[in-house]
């Protein structure tokens, strides 16, 4: 009976050991950091579908990392190429609409 009390005493009120609490805390901090960075970038890029998807998903940073390193990087390289073409041709950037006239 005494051994059972010691095992229960080693666990916290919610049934987690102190190491388990630290692991959950680290996962929360990790997920919030990725979530914050990806939501900020999606909002800055005015990408509403990605913003909503990232906001509603909880994948411990996996989907957020995919957006930051794959999807957004591809979009940034396209914008970089477009700026280089505009600089080479001397055309002004079309700020308020994306359709060519």
Protein backbone atom coordinates (compact mmCIF):
# COMPACT_ATOMS: atom_id res chain seq x y z
CA UNK A 1 0.00 0.00 0.00
CA UNK A 2 2.87 2.38 0.81
CA UNK A 3 4.42 1.89 -2.68
CA UNK A 4 1.08 2.82 -4.28
CA UNK A 5 0.93 6.04 -2.24
CA UNK A 6 4.47 6.93 -3.33
CA UNK A 7 3.59 6.46 -6.99
CA UNK A 8 0.48 8.58 -6.58
CA UNK A 9 2.50 11.15 -4.63
CA UNK A 10 4.97 11.43 -7.51
CA UNK A 11 2.15 12.39 -9.84
CA UNK A 12 0.55 15.81 -9.77
CA UNK A 13 -3.08 16.61 -9.16
CA UNK A 14 -3.93 16.08 -12.85
CA UNK A 15 -2.24 12.71 -13.16
CA UNK A 16 0.96 13.96 -14.83
CA UNK A 17 4.46 13.64 -13.57
CA UNK A 18 6.60 16.81 -13.50
CA UNK A 19 8.49 15.64 -16.61
CA UNK A 20 5.18 15.24 -18.43
CA UNK A 21 4.18 18.78 -17.52
CA UNK A 22 7.47 20.11 -18.91
CA UNK A 23 6.98 18.13 -22.12
CA UNK A 24 3.45 19.49 -22.60
CA UNK A 25 4.66 23.01 -21.82
CA UNK A 26 7.45 22.72 -24.37
CA UNK A 27 4.99 21.43 -27.00
CA UNK A 28 2.66 24.37 -26.34
CA UNK A 29 5.47 26.92 -26.64
CA UNK A 30 6.79 25.21 -29.80
CA UNK A 31 3.34 25.16 -31.39
CA UNK A 32 2.57 28.78 -30.49
CA UNK A 33 5.86 30.00 -31.92
CA UNK A 34 5.24 28.28 -35.28
CA UNK A 35 1.58 29.29 -35.27
CA UNK A 36 2.40 32.94 -34.59
CA UNK A 37 5.05 33.14 -37.32
CA UNK A 38 2.91 31.42 -39.95
CA UNK A 39 -0.26 33.40 -39.15
CA UNK A 40 1.68 36.66 -39.22
CA UNK A 41 3.19 35.82 -42.60
CA UNK A 42 -0.12 34.61 -44.08
CA UNK A 43 -1.84 37.81 -42.95
CA UNK A 44 0.99 39.93 -44.29
CA UNK A 45 0.74 38.13 -47.66
CA UNK A 46 -3.05 38.65 -47.63
CA UNK A 47 -3.55 34.90 -48.00
CA UNK A 48 -6.96 34.37 -46.39
CA UNK A 49 -7.34 30.65 -47.19
CA UNK A 50 -3.95 29.84 -45.65
CA UNK A 51 -4.66 32.10 -42.67
CA UNK A 52 -7.93 30.30 -41.88
CA UNK A 53 -6.38 26.87 -42.45
CA UNK A 54 -3.44 27.62 -40.18
CA UNK A 55 -5.68 29.18 -37.55
CA UNK A 56 -7.99 26.16 -37.36
CA UNK A 57 -5.37 23.41 -37.58
CA UNK A 58 -3.32 22.09 -34.70
CA UNK A 59 -0.45 20.00 -36.00
CA UNK A 60 2.26 20.97 -33.48
CA UNK A 61 3.86 23.25 -36.02
CA UNK A 62 4.07 20.81 -38.94
CA UNK A 63 1.61 22.58 -41.27
CA UNK A 64 2.93 25.95 -40.12
CA UNK A 65 6.48 24.96 -41.05
CA UNK A 66 5.31 23.70 -44.46
CA UNK A 67 3.66 27.05 -45.12
CA UNK A 68 6.69 29.05 -43.98
CA UNK A 69 9.35 27.02 -45.78
CA UNK A 70 7.58 25.74 -48.90
CA UNK A 71 4.48 27.71 -49.82
CA UNK A 72 5.54 31.20 -48.78
CA UNK A 73 9.09 30.76 -50.10
CA UNK A 74 7.67 29.88 -53.53
CA UNK A 75 5.51 33.03 -53.48
CA UNK A 76 8.43 35.21 -52.44
CA UNK A 77 10.60 33.90 -55.28
CA UNK A 78 7.82 34.67 -57.78
CA UNK A 79 7.57 38.24 -56.44
CA UNK A 80 11.36 38.59 -56.64
CA UNK A 81 11.36 37.53 -60.31
CA UNK A 82 8.52 39.92 -61.06
CA UNK A 83 10.40 42.82 -59.43
CA UNK A 84 13.53 41.96 -61.45
CA UNK A 85 11.52 41.99 -64.68
CA UNK A 86 9.95 45.33 -63.77
CA UNK A 87 13.38 46.79 -62.99
CA UNK A 88 14.83 45.53 -66.26
CA UNK A 89 11.97 46.88 -68.37
CA UNK A 90 11.55 50.13 -66.44
CA UNK A 91 7.84 49.54 -65.92
CA UNK A 92 6.32 50.86 -62.70
CA UNK A 93 4.89 48.33 -60.27
CA UNK A 94 1.11 47.98 -60.43
CA UNK A 95 0.21 48.48 -56.81
CA UNK A 96 -3.57 48.41 -56.75
CA UNK A 97 -4.38 45.65 -59.22
CA UNK A 98 -2.61 42.53 -60.33
CA UNK A 99 -4.11 42.23 -63.85
CA UNK A 100 -2.02 43.43 -66.75
CA UNK A 101 -3.65 46.13 -68.87
